[in-house]
Structures are given as C-alpha cells and as structure tokens.
Amino acid sequence: MEKEKSSAEVVNVYPKAPEMFAIKGRQTDYVSLPAHSVYAELKRFVRIKDNSTLLLQLPLDNLSARLVKRTTDLILSTAVIVGILSWLIPILALLIKIDSKGPVFFVQRRNKKGGSIFNCIKFRSMIENDDADNLQASADDERITKLGRFLRNHYI
C-alpha cells in the first residue's frame, strides 16, 4: 500500500497520555501539544489514519485548489491595478507635486533577511531633507507635508 502524501502528520507519541501529540512536518518535528487545545482547528483538515496517527491535509496541497487560488489572485490583483491604481497613482503624484517641491517618490534603503539591502519606493510624505534616511519622523514632525500627514494617517 502506498503511503499517502501529507503536509504534516499529527502523531500520538505518548501512549500513556493520549491527549498529547506531536506534529511532524515535511522538514522538522514540532513540539508536543495538548490535543484539546488545537483539535477544534485541526479537525477541519484531519482524517483519522489509525488510533494514534492523523493525516493533516492542508487546503493548498491540492493542485486544483492551488490553481483556483492563483487564478483568483491574478484576477483580483489585475482588477485593483487597472481599476484603482491606474488613476489613483497619477492623482497622488500630482497632489504631491502641488503640495511641495521635490520628487514624487522617496527611495528608502532597507535591509533584507540575510543582510542585503534593497530600495523601497514610497510616495514622498515629507519635505526633502538630509535626515530622511537616518531620522524617523515623529507624530508632530515639521518635515511632514500637509498631504503627507493625510497619507500617513490613512495608510495610502
């Protein structure tokens, strides 16, 4: 009989304590947990294999589920880009130029995991200044423009 593929196995490793189990994943073993604390969440994805082992099937292990999710992601992101960002970005760029002189975008150097650096491009919300890369803005910072205060308060 072929062993079924799963993302993780929930295994009872303590025969004298059936309420305890360990989650064994594809890459590593995880800590033992009391079954009652996570059973309600797990039972949405679990099939009973035998008395001591459960097979955990995660929603995106299924190829058709992954295809549906990817298609949905592409359709929704395209709709947002074409339907909203295509007109919102130029309007915000124009408002930033009217509000203060300087570039529309601010390029901030940030660290990646592992220590390398990448450039994060953001709408400029402060007047141009030499401290922009080094000194974080406070809530009442004089460097923040009027439109910048609105953008920061509304997470745009």
N, C-alpha and C. Protein backbone atom coordinates (compact mmCIF):
# COMPACT_ATOMS: atom_id res chain seq x y z
N MET A 1 0.84 -1.18 0.00
CA MET A 1 0.00 0.00 0.00
C MET A 1 0.89 1.24 0.00
N GLU A 2 0.58 2.20 -0.87
CA GLU A 2 1.37 3.42 -1.00
C GLU A 2 1.06 4.37 0.15
N LYS A 3 2.10 4.96 0.72
CA LYS A 3 1.92 5.91 1.81
C LYS A 3 1.34 7.20 1.25
N GLU A 4 0.31 7.73 1.92
CA GLU A 4 -0.33 8.95 1.47
C GLU A 4 0.57 10.15 1.74
N LYS A 5 0.55 11.10 0.80
CA LYS A 5 1.34 12.32 0.94
C LYS A 5 0.55 13.32 1.79
N SER A 6 1.21 13.94 2.74
CA SER A 6 0.55 14.96 3.55
C SER A 6 1.56 16.03 3.92
N SER A 7 1.07 17.18 4.32
CA SER A 7 1.94 18.27 4.73
C SER A 7 2.53 18.01 6.10
N ALA A 8 1.77 17.34 6.94
CA ALA A 8 2.23 17.07 8.29
C ALA A 8 1.45 15.89 8.84
N GLU A 9 2.04 15.21 9.79
CA GLU A 9 1.33 14.16 10.50
C GLU A 9 1.19 14.57 11.94
N VAL A 10 0.02 14.30 12.50
CA VAL A 10 -0.21 14.54 13.91
C VAL A 10 -0.13 13.17 14.57
N VAL A 11 0.89 12.95 15.38
CA VAL A 11 1.19 11.63 15.90
C VAL A 11 1.12 11.62 17.42
N ASN A 12 0.46 10.59 17.97
CA ASN A 12 0.45 10.41 19.42
C ASN A 12 1.74 9.69 19.78
N VAL A 13 2.63 10.40 20.44
CA VAL A 13 3.93 9.83 20.80
C VAL A 13 4.00 9.41 22.26
N TYR A 14 2.90 9.60 22.99
CA TYR A 14 2.85 9.24 24.41
C TYR A 14 1.68 8.28 24.63
N PRO A 15 1.89 6.97 24.53
CA PRO A 15 0.78 6.01 24.68
C PRO A 15 0.01 6.15 25.99
N LYS A 16 0.69 6.56 27.06
CA LYS A 16 0.01 6.69 28.35
C LYS A 16 -0.70 8.04 28.50
N ALA A 17 -0.53 8.93 27.52
CA ALA A 17 -1.19 10.25 27.56
C ALA A 17 -1.77 10.53 26.18
N PRO A 18 -2.93 9.93 25.87
CA PRO A 18 -3.49 10.08 24.52
C PRO A 18 -3.88 11.51 24.16
N GLU A 19 -3.95 12.39 25.16
CA GLU A 19 -4.30 13.78 24.86
C GLU A 19 -3.10 14.58 24.35
N MET A 20 -1.92 13.99 24.32
CA MET A 20 -0.73 14.68 23.84
C MET A 20 -0.34 14.13 22.47
N PHE A 21 0.13 15.00 21.60
CA PHE A 21 0.57 14.55 20.30
C PHE A 21 1.69 15.46 19.81
N ALA A 22 2.37 15.04 18.78
CA ALA A 22 3.42 15.85 18.15
C ALA A 22 3.04 16.06 16.69
N ILE A 23 3.37 17.22 16.17
CA ILE A 23 3.13 17.50 14.76
C ILE A 23 4.46 17.30 14.03
N LYS A 24 4.48 16.37 13.09
CA LYS A 24 5.68 16.09 12.32
C LYS A 24 5.47 16.65 10.92
N GLY A 25 6.28 17.63 10.55
CA GLY A 25 6.13 18.28 9.25
C GLY A 25 7.07 17.71 8.22
N ARG A 26 7.06 18.30 7.03
CA ARG A 26 7.92 17.86 5.95
C ARG A 26 9.39 18.07 6.29
N GLN A 27 9.70 19.13 7.03
CA GLN A 27 11.09 19.46 7.28
C GLN A 27 11.53 19.20 8.71
N THR A 28 10.62 19.21 9.65
CA THR A 28 11.05 19.13 11.04
C THR A 28 9.93 18.60 11.93
N ASP A 29 10.27 18.21 13.12
CA ASP A 29 9.28 17.84 14.13
C ASP A 29 9.00 19.05 15.01
N TYR A 30 7.77 19.22 15.37
CA TYR A 30 7.38 20.34 16.21
C TYR A 30 7.10 19.83 17.62
N VAL A 31 6.95 20.75 18.52
CA VAL A 31 6.73 20.39 19.93
C VAL A 31 5.41 19.66 20.14
N SER A 32 5.37 18.88 21.19
CA SER A 32 4.14 18.19 21.56
C SER A 32 3.17 19.19 22.17
N LEU A 33 1.91 18.98 21.89
CA LEU A 33 0.88 19.91 22.35
C LEU A 33 -0.29 19.13 22.93
N PRO A 34 -1.03 19.73 23.86
CA PRO A 34 -2.25 19.08 24.32
C PRO A 34 -3.28 19.06 23.18
N ALA A 35 -3.85 17.90 22.91
CA ALA A 35 -4.75 17.75 21.78
C ALA A 35 -5.97 18.65 21.87
N HIS A 36 -6.54 18.79 23.05
CA HIS A 36 -7.78 19.56 23.18
C HIS A 36 -7.59 21.02 22.81
N SER A 37 -6.38 21.57 22.93
CA SER A 37 -6.18 22.99 22.66
C SER A 37 -6.18 23.33 21.17
N VAL A 38 -5.87 22.35 20.32
CA VAL A 38 -5.84 22.64 18.89
C VAL A 38 -6.73 21.71 18.07
N TYR A 39 -7.37 20.75 18.71
CA TYR A 39 -8.16 19.78 17.97
C TYR A 39 -9.27 20.43 17.16
N ALA A 40 -9.97 21.39 17.72
CA ALA A 40 -11.08 22.03 17.00
C ALA A 40 -10.61 22.65 15.69
N GLU A 41 -9.45 23.28 15.71
CA GLU A 41 -8.91 23.88 14.48
C GLU A 41 -8.42 22.81 13.52
N LEU A 42 -7.76 21.79 14.06
CA LEU A 42 -7.20 20.74 13.21
C LEU A 42 -8.26 19.91 12.50
N LYS A 43 -9.39 19.67 13.15
CA LYS A 43 -10.35 18.72 12.58
C LYS A 43 -10.94 19.19 11.25
N ARG A 44 -10.74 20.46 10.90
CA ARG A 44 -11.16 20.91 9.57
C ARG A 44 -10.30 20.27 8.48
N PHE A 45 -9.07 19.88 8.82
CA PHE A 45 -8.12 19.38 7.82
C PHE A 45 -7.68 17.93 8.07
N VAL A 46 -8.24 17.25 9.07
CA VAL A 46 -7.70 15.98 9.52
C VAL A 46 -8.58 14.80 9.12
N ARG A 47 -7.94 13.72 8.70
CA ARG A 47 -8.60 12.43 8.52
C ARG A 47 -7.95 11.44 9.48
N ILE A 48 -8.73 10.58 10.08
CA ILE A 48 -8.16 9.59 11.00
C ILE A 48 -7.52 8.49 10.18
N LYS A 49 -6.23 8.23 10.45
CA LYS A 49 -5.48 7.17 9.76
C LYS A 49 -5.56 5.88 10.56
N ASP A 50 -5.30 5.94 11.84
CA ASP A 50 -5.46 4.81 12.76
C ASP A 50 -5.67 5.39 14.16
N ASN A 51 -5.54 4.58 15.19
CA ASN A 51 -5.83 5.05 16.54
C ASN A 51 -4.89 6.14 17.03
N SER A 52 -3.66 6.18 16.52
CA SER A 52 -2.71 7.11 17.09
C SER A 52 -2.20 8.16 16.10
N THR A 53 -2.55 8.03 14.82
CA THR A 53 -1.99 8.95 13.83
C THR A 53 -3.11 9.57 13.00
N LEU A 54 -3.02 10.85 12.78
CA LEU A 54 -3.96 11.57 11.94
C LEU A 54 -3.19 12.13 10.75
N LEU A 55 -3.80 12.14 9.58
CA LEU A 55 -3.17 12.78 8.42
C LEU A 55 -3.71 14.19 8.29
N LEU A 56 -2.82 15.13 8.19
CA LEU A 56 -3.19 16.53 8.06
C LEU A 56 -3.07 16.93 6.60
N GLN A 57 -4.17 17.28 5.99
CA GLN A 57 -4.18 17.70 4.59
C GLN A 57 -4.50 19.20 4.56
N LEU A 58 -3.50 20.00 4.21
CA LEU A 58 -3.70 21.44 4.16
C LEU A 58 -4.41 21.83 2.88
N PRO A 59 -5.19 22.92 2.89
CA PRO A 59 -6.03 23.28 1.75
C PRO A 59 -5.27 23.43 0.43
N LEU A 60 -4.05 23.95 0.45
CA LEU A 60 -3.33 24.20 -0.79
C LEU A 60 -2.42 23.05 -1.21
N ASP A 61 -2.54 21.89 -0.56
CA ASP A 61 -1.81 20.71 -1.02
C ASP A 61 -2.44 20.16 -2.29
N ASN A 62 -3.68 20.48 -2.52
CA ASN A 62 -4.43 20.01 -3.68
C ASN A 62 -4.12 20.91 -4.88
N LEU A 63 -3.75 20.31 -6.02
CA LEU A 63 -3.39 21.08 -7.21
C LEU A 63 -4.53 21.97 -7.69
N SER A 64 -5.75 21.45 -7.70
CA SER A 64 -6.87 22.27 -8.19
C SER A 64 -7.13 23.45 -7.26
N ALA A 65 -6.94 23.28 -5.95
CA ALA A 65 -7.11 24.40 -5.01
C ALA A 65 -6.05 25.46 -5.25
N ARG A 66 -4.81 25.04 -5.52
CA ARG A 66 -3.74 26.00 -5.82
C ARG A 66 -4.03 26.77 -7.10
N LEU A 67 -4.54 26.08 -8.11
CA LEU A 67 -4.88 26.74 -9.38
C LEU A 67 -6.01 27.76 -9.20
N VAL A 68 -7.02 27.39 -8.42
CA VAL A 68 -8.12 28.32 -8.15
C VAL A 68 -7.61 29.54 -7.39
N LYS A 69 -6.76 29.32 -6.39
CA LYS A 69 -6.22 30.43 -5.62
C LYS A 69 -5.36 31.33 -6.49
N ARG A 70 -4.49 30.75 -7.29
CA ARG A 70 -3.61 31.56 -8.16
C ARG A 70 -4.43 32.35 -9.17
N THR A 71 -5.44 31.74 -9.76
CA THR A 71 -6.31 32.44 -10.73
C THR A 71 -7.04 33.58 -10.05
N THR A 72 -7.58 33.33 -8.87
CA THR A 72 -8.28 34.38 -8.11
C THR A 72 -7.32 35.52 -7.77
N ASP A 73 -6.11 35.18 -7.32
CA ASP A 73 -5.10 36.21 -7.00
C ASP A 73 -4.80 37.08 -8.22
N LEU A 74 -4.62 36.45 -9.38
CA LEU A 74 -4.30 37.21 -10.60
C LEU A 74 -5.46 38.10 -11.04
N ILE A 75 -6.67 37.58 -10.98
CA ILE A 75 -7.83 38.37 -11.40
C ILE A 75 -8.04 39.56 -10.46
N LEU A 76 -7.99 39.33 -9.15
CA LEU A 76 -8.21 40.42 -8.20
C LEU A 76 -7.09 41.46 -8.26
N SER A 77 -5.84 41.02 -8.35
CA SER A 77 -4.74 41.99 -8.40
C SER A 77 -4.78 42.80 -9.69
N THR A 78 -5.12 42.17 -10.80
CA THR A 78 -5.25 42.90 -12.06
C THR A 78 -6.39 43.92 -11.97
N ALA A 79 -7.50 43.53 -11.36
CA ALA A 79 -8.63 44.45 -11.21
C ALA A 79 -8.24 45.66 -10.36
N VAL A 80 -7.50 45.44 -9.29
CA VAL A 80 -7.07 46.56 -8.43
C VAL A 80 -6.09 47.46 -9.19
N ILE A 81 -5.12 46.86 -9.88
CA ILE A 81 -4.12 47.65 -10.61
C ILE A 81 -4.79 48.48 -11.70
N VAL A 82 -5.64 47.85 -12.49
CA VAL A 82 -6.27 48.55 -13.62
C VAL A 82 -7.40 49.46 -13.14
N GLY A 83 -8.22 48.97 -12.23
CA GLY A 83 -9.40 49.72 -11.82
C GLY A 83 -9.17 50.81 -10.80
N ILE A 84 -8.13 50.71 -9.98
CA ILE A 84 -7.91 51.70 -8.93
C ILE A 84 -6.55 52.39 -9.06
N LEU A 85 -5.49 51.61 -9.08
CA LEU A 85 -4.15 52.20 -9.09
C LEU A 85 -3.85 52.98 -10.36
N SER A 86 -4.46 52.60 -11.48
CA SER A 86 -4.18 53.30 -12.74
C SER A 86 -4.57 54.77 -12.70
N TRP A 87 -5.54 55.14 -11.91
CA TRP A 87 -5.91 56.56 -11.79
C TRP A 87 -5.48 57.15 -10.44
N LEU A 88 -5.36 56.32 -9.39
CA LEU A 88 -5.01 56.84 -8.07
C LEU A 88 -3.55 57.30 -8.00
N ILE A 89 -2.63 56.54 -8.58
CA ILE A 89 -1.21 56.90 -8.53
C ILE A 89 -0.95 58.24 -9.22
N PRO A 90 -1.46 58.48 -10.44
CA PRO A 90 -1.23 59.79 -11.06
C PRO A 90 -1.84 60.96 -10.26
N ILE A 91 -3.01 60.73 -9.68
CA ILE A 91 -3.64 61.79 -8.88
C ILE A 91 -2.80 62.10 -7.65
N LEU A 92 -2.34 61.06 -6.94
CA LEU A 92 -1.49 61.28 -5.77
C LEU A 92 -0.18 61.95 -6.17
N ALA A 93 0.39 61.57 -7.31
CA ALA A 93 1.64 62.19 -7.78
C ALA A 93 1.43 63.67 -8.03
N LEU A 94 0.33 64.02 -8.67
CA LEU A 94 0.02 65.42 -8.93
C LEU A 94 -0.18 66.20 -7.64
N LEU A 95 -0.91 65.63 -6.69
CA LEU A 95 -1.15 66.30 -5.40
C LEU A 95 0.16 66.49 -4.62
N ILE A 96 1.05 65.52 -4.69
CA ILE A 96 2.34 65.66 -4.00
C ILE A 96 3.14 66.78 -4.63
N LYS A 97 3.14 66.87 -5.95
CA LYS A 97 3.88 67.95 -6.64
C LYS A 97 3.29 69.32 -6.31
N ILE A 98 1.97 69.42 -6.19
CA ILE A 98 1.32 70.69 -5.85
C ILE A 98 1.61 71.07 -4.40
N ASP A 99 1.62 70.08 -3.50
CA ASP A 99 1.78 70.32 -2.06
C ASP A 99 3.18 70.80 -1.70
N SER A 100 4.21 70.27 -2.36
CA SER A 100 5.58 70.66 -2.02
C SER A 100 6.49 70.35 -3.20
N LYS A 101 7.61 71.08 -3.24
CA LYS A 101 8.54 70.82 -4.33
C LYS A 101 9.40 69.61 -3.99
N GLY A 102 9.86 68.96 -5.03
CA GLY A 102 10.68 67.77 -4.86
C GLY A 102 10.09 66.61 -5.63
N PRO A 103 10.74 65.46 -5.54
CA PRO A 103 10.27 64.29 -6.29
C PRO A 103 8.97 63.73 -5.71
N VAL A 104 8.25 62.97 -6.51
CA VAL A 104 7.01 62.34 -6.06
C VAL A 104 7.31 61.16 -5.15
N PHE A 105 8.35 60.43 -5.47
CA PHE A 105 8.67 59.22 -4.72
C PHE A 105 9.89 59.42 -3.85
N PHE A 106 9.92 58.70 -2.75
CA PHE A 106 11.05 58.67 -1.84
C PHE A 106 11.60 57.25 -1.87
N VAL A 107 12.89 57.12 -2.09
CA VAL A 107 13.52 55.80 -2.14
C VAL A 107 14.25 55.59 -0.82
N GLN A 108 13.82 54.59 -0.10
CA GLN A 108 14.40 54.29 1.21
C GLN A 108 15.17 52.98 1.13
N ARG A 109 16.38 52.98 1.64
CA ARG A 109 17.18 51.76 1.66
C ARG A 109 16.79 50.95 2.89
N ARG A 110 16.46 49.67 2.67
CA ARG A 110 16.06 48.78 3.76
C ARG A 110 16.86 47.49 3.70
N ASN A 111 16.93 46.82 4.82
CA ASN A 111 17.64 45.55 4.91
C ASN A 111 16.71 44.39 4.62
N LYS A 112 17.23 43.44 3.83
CA LYS A 112 16.53 42.19 3.59
C LYS A 112 16.95 41.18 4.64
N LYS A 113 16.21 40.10 4.69
CA LYS A 113 16.62 38.97 5.52
C LYS A 113 17.96 38.49 4.96
N GLY A 114 18.92 38.31 5.80
CA GLY A 114 20.23 37.89 5.36
C GLY A 114 21.21 39.04 5.22
N GLY A 115 20.75 40.27 5.43
CA GLY A 115 21.65 41.41 5.48
C GLY A 115 21.81 42.23 4.22
N SER A 116 21.34 41.74 3.07
CA SER A 116 21.49 42.56 1.86
C SER A 116 20.48 43.72 1.89
N ILE A 117 20.72 44.70 1.05
CA ILE A 117 19.92 45.93 1.06
C ILE A 117 19.09 46.02 -0.22
N PHE A 118 17.86 46.54 -0.09
CA PHE A 118 17.03 46.79 -1.27
C PHE A 118 16.43 48.19 -1.15
N ASN A 119 15.96 48.71 -2.27
CA ASN A 119 15.34 50.04 -2.29
C ASN A 119 13.83 49.90 -2.21
N CYS A 120 13.22 50.56 -1.24
CA CYS A 120 11.78 50.59 -1.07
C CYS A 120 11.29 51.94 -1.60
N ILE A 121 10.42 51.92 -2.60
CA ILE A 121 9.93 53.15 -3.22
C ILE A 121 8.57 53.48 -2.62
N LYS A 122 8.45 54.69 -2.06
CA LYS A 122 7.23 55.13 -1.40
C LYS A 122 6.85 56.53 -1.89
N PHE A 123 5.58 56.88 -1.74
CA PHE A 123 5.19 58.27 -2.01
C PHE A 123 5.88 59.15 -0.98
N ARG A 124 6.39 60.29 -1.42
CA ARG A 124 7.07 61.21 -0.51
C ARG A 124 6.04 61.92 0.35
N SER A 125 6.21 61.85 1.67
CA SER A 125 5.27 62.50 2.59
C SER A 125 5.95 63.58 3.42
N MET A 126 7.24 63.81 3.15
CA MET A 126 7.99 64.83 3.89
C MET A 126 8.70 65.74 2.90
N ILE A 127 9.05 66.94 3.37
CA ILE A 127 9.86 67.81 2.53
C ILE A 127 11.23 67.15 2.37
N GLU A 128 11.91 67.48 1.30
CA GLU A 128 13.25 66.92 1.10
C GLU A 128 14.16 67.41 2.23
N ASN A 129 14.91 66.46 2.82
CA ASN A 129 15.83 66.82 3.90
C ASN A 129 16.93 65.78 3.99
N ASP A 130 18.03 66.20 4.58
CA ASP A 130 19.20 65.31 4.68
C ASP A 130 19.03 64.22 5.72
N ASP A 131 18.07 64.36 6.64
CA ASP A 131 17.88 63.39 7.71
C ASP A 131 16.85 62.31 7.37
N ALA A 132 16.27 62.37 6.18
CA ALA A 132 15.17 61.46 5.83
C ALA A 132 15.55 59.99 5.97
N ASP A 133 16.76 59.62 5.61
CA ASP A 133 17.18 58.21 5.71
C ASP A 133 17.58 57.81 7.12
N ASN A 134 17.94 58.78 7.95
CA ASN A 134 18.52 58.45 9.26
C ASN A 134 17.61 58.74 10.44
N LEU A 135 16.75 59.75 10.34
CA LEU A 135 15.94 60.19 11.48
C LEU A 135 14.47 59.90 11.21
N GLN A 136 13.90 59.01 12.02
CA GLN A 136 12.49 58.65 11.86
C GLN A 136 11.61 59.84 12.24
N ALA A 137 10.50 60.01 11.51
CA ALA A 137 9.59 61.11 11.78
C ALA A 137 8.75 60.82 13.02
N SER A 138 8.49 61.87 13.79
CA SER A 138 7.59 61.76 14.94
C SER A 138 6.21 62.21 14.50
N ALA A 139 5.21 62.05 15.36
CA ALA A 139 3.83 62.37 15.00
C ALA A 139 3.66 63.85 14.62
N ASP A 140 4.37 64.74 15.29
CA ASP A 140 4.22 66.18 15.02
C ASP A 140 5.45 66.76 14.31
N ASP A 141 6.13 65.94 13.54
CA ASP A 141 7.37 66.34 12.85
C ASP A 141 7.07 67.45 11.84
N GLU A 142 7.87 68.51 11.88
CA GLU A 142 7.68 69.65 10.98
C GLU A 142 8.04 69.33 9.53
N ARG A 143 8.75 68.24 9.31
CA ARG A 143 9.15 67.86 7.95
C ARG A 143 8.00 67.25 7.16
N ILE A 144 6.95 66.80 7.83
CA ILE A 144 5.82 66.15 7.16
C ILE A 144 4.95 67.21 6.48
N THR A 145 4.64 66.99 5.21
CA THR A 145 3.80 67.93 4.46
C THR A 145 2.33 67.74 4.83
N LYS A 146 1.47 68.66 4.39
CA LYS A 146 0.04 68.54 4.69
C LYS A 146 -0.54 67.27 4.07
N LEU A 147 -0.24 67.05 2.79
CA LEU A 147 -0.72 65.84 2.13
C LEU A 147 -0.06 64.61 2.75
N GLY A 148 1.22 64.73 3.10
CA GLY A 148 1.93 63.63 3.73
C GLY A 148 1.28 63.20 5.03
N ARG A 149 0.79 64.16 5.82
CA ARG A 149 0.11 63.84 7.07
C ARG A 149 -1.17 63.03 6.78
N PHE A 150 -1.90 63.46 5.74
CA PHE A 150 -3.11 62.73 5.34
C PHE A 150 -2.75 61.31 4.89
N LEU A 151 -1.73 61.18 4.05
CA LEU A 151 -1.33 59.87 3.56
C LEU A 151 -0.89 58.95 4.71
N ARG A 152 -0.15 59.48 5.64
CA ARG A 152 0.32 58.69 6.78
C ARG A 152 -0.84 58.28 7.69
N ASN A 153 -1.81 59.16 7.88
CA ASN A 153 -2.95 58.85 8.73
C ASN A 153 -3.91 57.85 8.09
N HIS A 154 -3.89 57.78 6.76
CA HIS A 154 -4.84 56.90 6.04
C HIS A 154 -4.13 55.74 5.36
N TYR A 155 -2.86 55.50 5.65
CA TYR A 155 -2.10 54.34 5.16
C TYR A 155 -2.16 54.19 3.64
N ILE A 156 -2.06 55.28 2.96
CA ILE A 156 -2.03 55.21 1.48
C ILE A 156 -0.60 55.21 1.02
